[in-house]
Amino acid sequence: MPKKKFHVHINDNFCKRCGICYWICPTKTIIKGELGKPEVPDHDKCIGCLMCENACPDFAIDVVEREAVKKDV
């Protein structure tokens, strides 16, 4: 069974740059960017724990599972 992959979407219109998401992320998928804006440089690091999504006071983060790419052998 392949490892699940996730996409972290941060809605800039809702985000107030509080920093909770990059403080709480266990894999440091979300990092502090310019002017405190959260950024996701590598979505493959996300393990789908949803800690950032659940902790965000502004409901600005959505973590969604990406479709697995099946390779025919």
C-alpha atoms as a PDB file:
ATOM      1  CA  MET A   1       0.000   0.000   0.000  1.00  0.00           C
ATOM      2  CA  PRO A   2       1.511   3.346  -1.013  1.00  0.00           C
ATOM      3  CA  LYS A   3       2.010   6.113   1.474  1.00  0.00           C
ATOM      4  CA  LYS A   4      -0.799   8.655   1.509  1.00  0.00           C
ATOM      5  CA  LYS A   5       0.057  12.128   0.266  1.00  0.00           C
ATOM      6  CA  PHE A   6      -1.568  15.349   1.356  1.00  0.00           C
ATOM      7  CA  HIS A   7      -1.916  18.894   0.104  1.00  0.00           C
ATOM      8  CA  VAL A   8      -1.953  21.764   2.610  1.00  0.00           C
ATOM      9  CA  HIS A   9      -3.992  24.716   1.389  1.00  0.00           C
ATOM     10  CA  ILE A  10      -3.703  28.006   3.298  1.00  0.00           C
ATOM     11  CA  ASN A  11      -6.367  30.595   2.525  1.00  0.00           C
ATOM     12  CA  ASP A  12      -4.541  33.939   2.618  1.00  0.00           C
ATOM     13  CA  ASN A  13      -7.838  35.825   2.880  1.00  0.00           C
ATOM     14  CA  PHE A  14      -8.613  34.205   6.256  1.00  0.00           C
ATOM     15  CA  CYS A  15      -5.071  33.880   7.666  1.00  0.00           C
ATOM     16  CA  LYS A  16      -4.016  36.539  10.185  1.00  0.00           C
ATOM     17  CA  ARG A  17      -0.426  35.206  10.420  1.00  0.00           C
ATOM     18  CA  CYS A  18      -0.652  34.159  14.076  1.00  0.00           C
ATOM     19  CA  GLY A  19       2.025  31.455  13.620  1.00  0.00           C
ATOM     20  CA  ILE A  20       0.186  28.632  15.380  1.00  0.00           C
ATOM     21  CA  CYS A  21       0.319  26.411  12.275  1.00  0.00           C
ATOM     22  CA  TYR A  22       4.077  26.462  11.817  1.00  0.00           C
ATOM     23  CA  TRP A  23       4.632  26.274  15.559  1.00  0.00           C
ATOM     24  CA  ILE A  24       2.482  23.140  15.942  1.00  0.00           C
ATOM     25  CA  CYS A  25       3.400  21.254  12.726  1.00  0.00           C
ATOM     26  CA  PRO A  26       5.384  18.132  13.753  1.00  0.00           C
ATOM     27  CA  THR A  27       7.079  17.698  10.364  1.00  0.00           C
ATOM     28  CA  LYS A  28       7.668  21.413   9.710  1.00  0.00           C
ATOM     29  CA  THR A  29       5.703  21.175   6.468  1.00  0.00           C
ATOM     30  CA  ILE A  30       4.401  24.666   7.186  1.00  0.00           C
ATOM     31  CA  ILE A  31       7.185  27.169   7.721  1.00  0.00           C
ATOM     32  CA  LYS A  32       7.338  30.847   8.583  1.00  0.00           C
ATOM     33  CA  GLY A  33       7.671  32.876   5.428  1.00  0.00           C
ATOM     34  CA  GLU A  34       8.083  36.546   4.671  1.00  0.00           C
ATOM     35  CA  LEU A  35       6.320  38.829   7.197  1.00  0.00           C
ATOM     36  CA  GLY A  36       5.185  35.788   9.194  1.00  0.00           C
ATOM     37  CA  LYS A  37       3.102  34.378   6.364  1.00  0.00           C
ATOM     38  CA  PRO A  38       2.857  30.562   6.563  1.00  0.00           C
ATOM     39  CA  GLU A  39       4.285  28.768   3.543  1.00  0.00           C
ATOM     40  CA  VAL A  40       4.369  25.158   2.369  1.00  0.00           C
ATOM     41  CA  PRO A  41       7.483  24.595   0.243  1.00  0.00           C
ATOM     42  CA  ASP A  42       7.147  20.771   0.144  1.00  0.00           C
ATOM     43  CA  HIS A  43       3.695  19.189   0.423  1.00  0.00           C
ATOM     44  CA  ASP A  44       5.249  15.699   0.453  1.00  0.00           C
ATOM     45  CA  LYS A  45       6.435  16.227   4.047  1.00  0.00           C
ATOM     46  CA  CYS A  46       2.830  16.418   5.298  1.00  0.00           C
ATOM     47  CA  ILE A  47       1.684  13.305   7.194  1.00  0.00           C
ATOM     48  CA  GLY A  48      -1.964  14.355   7.375  1.00  0.00           C
ATOM     49  CA  CYS A  49      -2.176  14.690  11.165  1.00  0.00           C
ATOM     50  CA  LEU A  50      -4.505  17.729  10.806  1.00  0.00           C
ATOM     51  CA  MET A  51      -2.958  19.455  13.833  1.00  0.00           C
ATOM     52  CA  CYS A  52      -2.568  22.708  11.879  1.00  0.00           C
ATOM     53  CA  GLU A  53      -6.103  22.566  10.514  1.00  0.00           C
ATOM     54  CA  ASN A  54      -7.618  21.897  13.940  1.00  0.00           C
ATOM     55  CA  ALA A  55      -5.531  24.535  15.731  1.00  0.00           C
ATOM     56  CA  CYS A  56      -6.105  27.364  13.243  1.00  0.00           C
ATOM     57  CA  PRO A  57      -8.360  29.952  14.909  1.00  0.00           C
ATOM     58  CA  ASP A  58      -9.305  31.459  11.534  1.00  0.00           C
ATOM     59  CA  PHE A  59     -10.228  28.209   9.704  1.00  0.00           C
ATOM     60  CA  ALA A  60      -7.666  29.188   7.072  1.00  0.00           C
ATOM     61  CA  ILE A  61      -6.091  25.742   6.571  1.00  0.00           C
ATOM     62  CA  ASP A  62      -7.423  22.751   4.669  1.00  0.00           C
ATOM     63  CA  VAL A  63      -5.458  19.514   4.519  1.00  0.00           C
ATOM     64  CA  VAL A  64      -6.714  17.224   1.777  1.00  0.00           C
ATOM     65  CA  GLU A  65      -5.531  13.841   0.622  1.00  0.00           C
ATOM     66  CA  ARG A  66      -4.093  13.789  -2.880  1.00  0.00           C
ATOM     67  CA  GLU A  67      -5.041  11.069  -5.305  1.00  0.00           C
ATOM     68  CA  ALA A  68      -2.536   8.253  -5.379  1.00  0.00           C
ATOM     69  CA  VAL A  69      -0.946   7.786  -8.758  1.00  0.00           C
ATOM     70  CA  LYS A  70      -1.167   4.136  -9.730  1.00  0.00           C
ATOM     71  CA  LYS A  71       1.686   2.818 -11.807  1.00  0.00           C
ATOM     72  CA  ASP A  72       1.069  -0.106 -14.118  1.00  0.00           C
ATOM     73  CA  VAL A  73       3.936  -2.548 -14.135  1.00  0.00           C
END
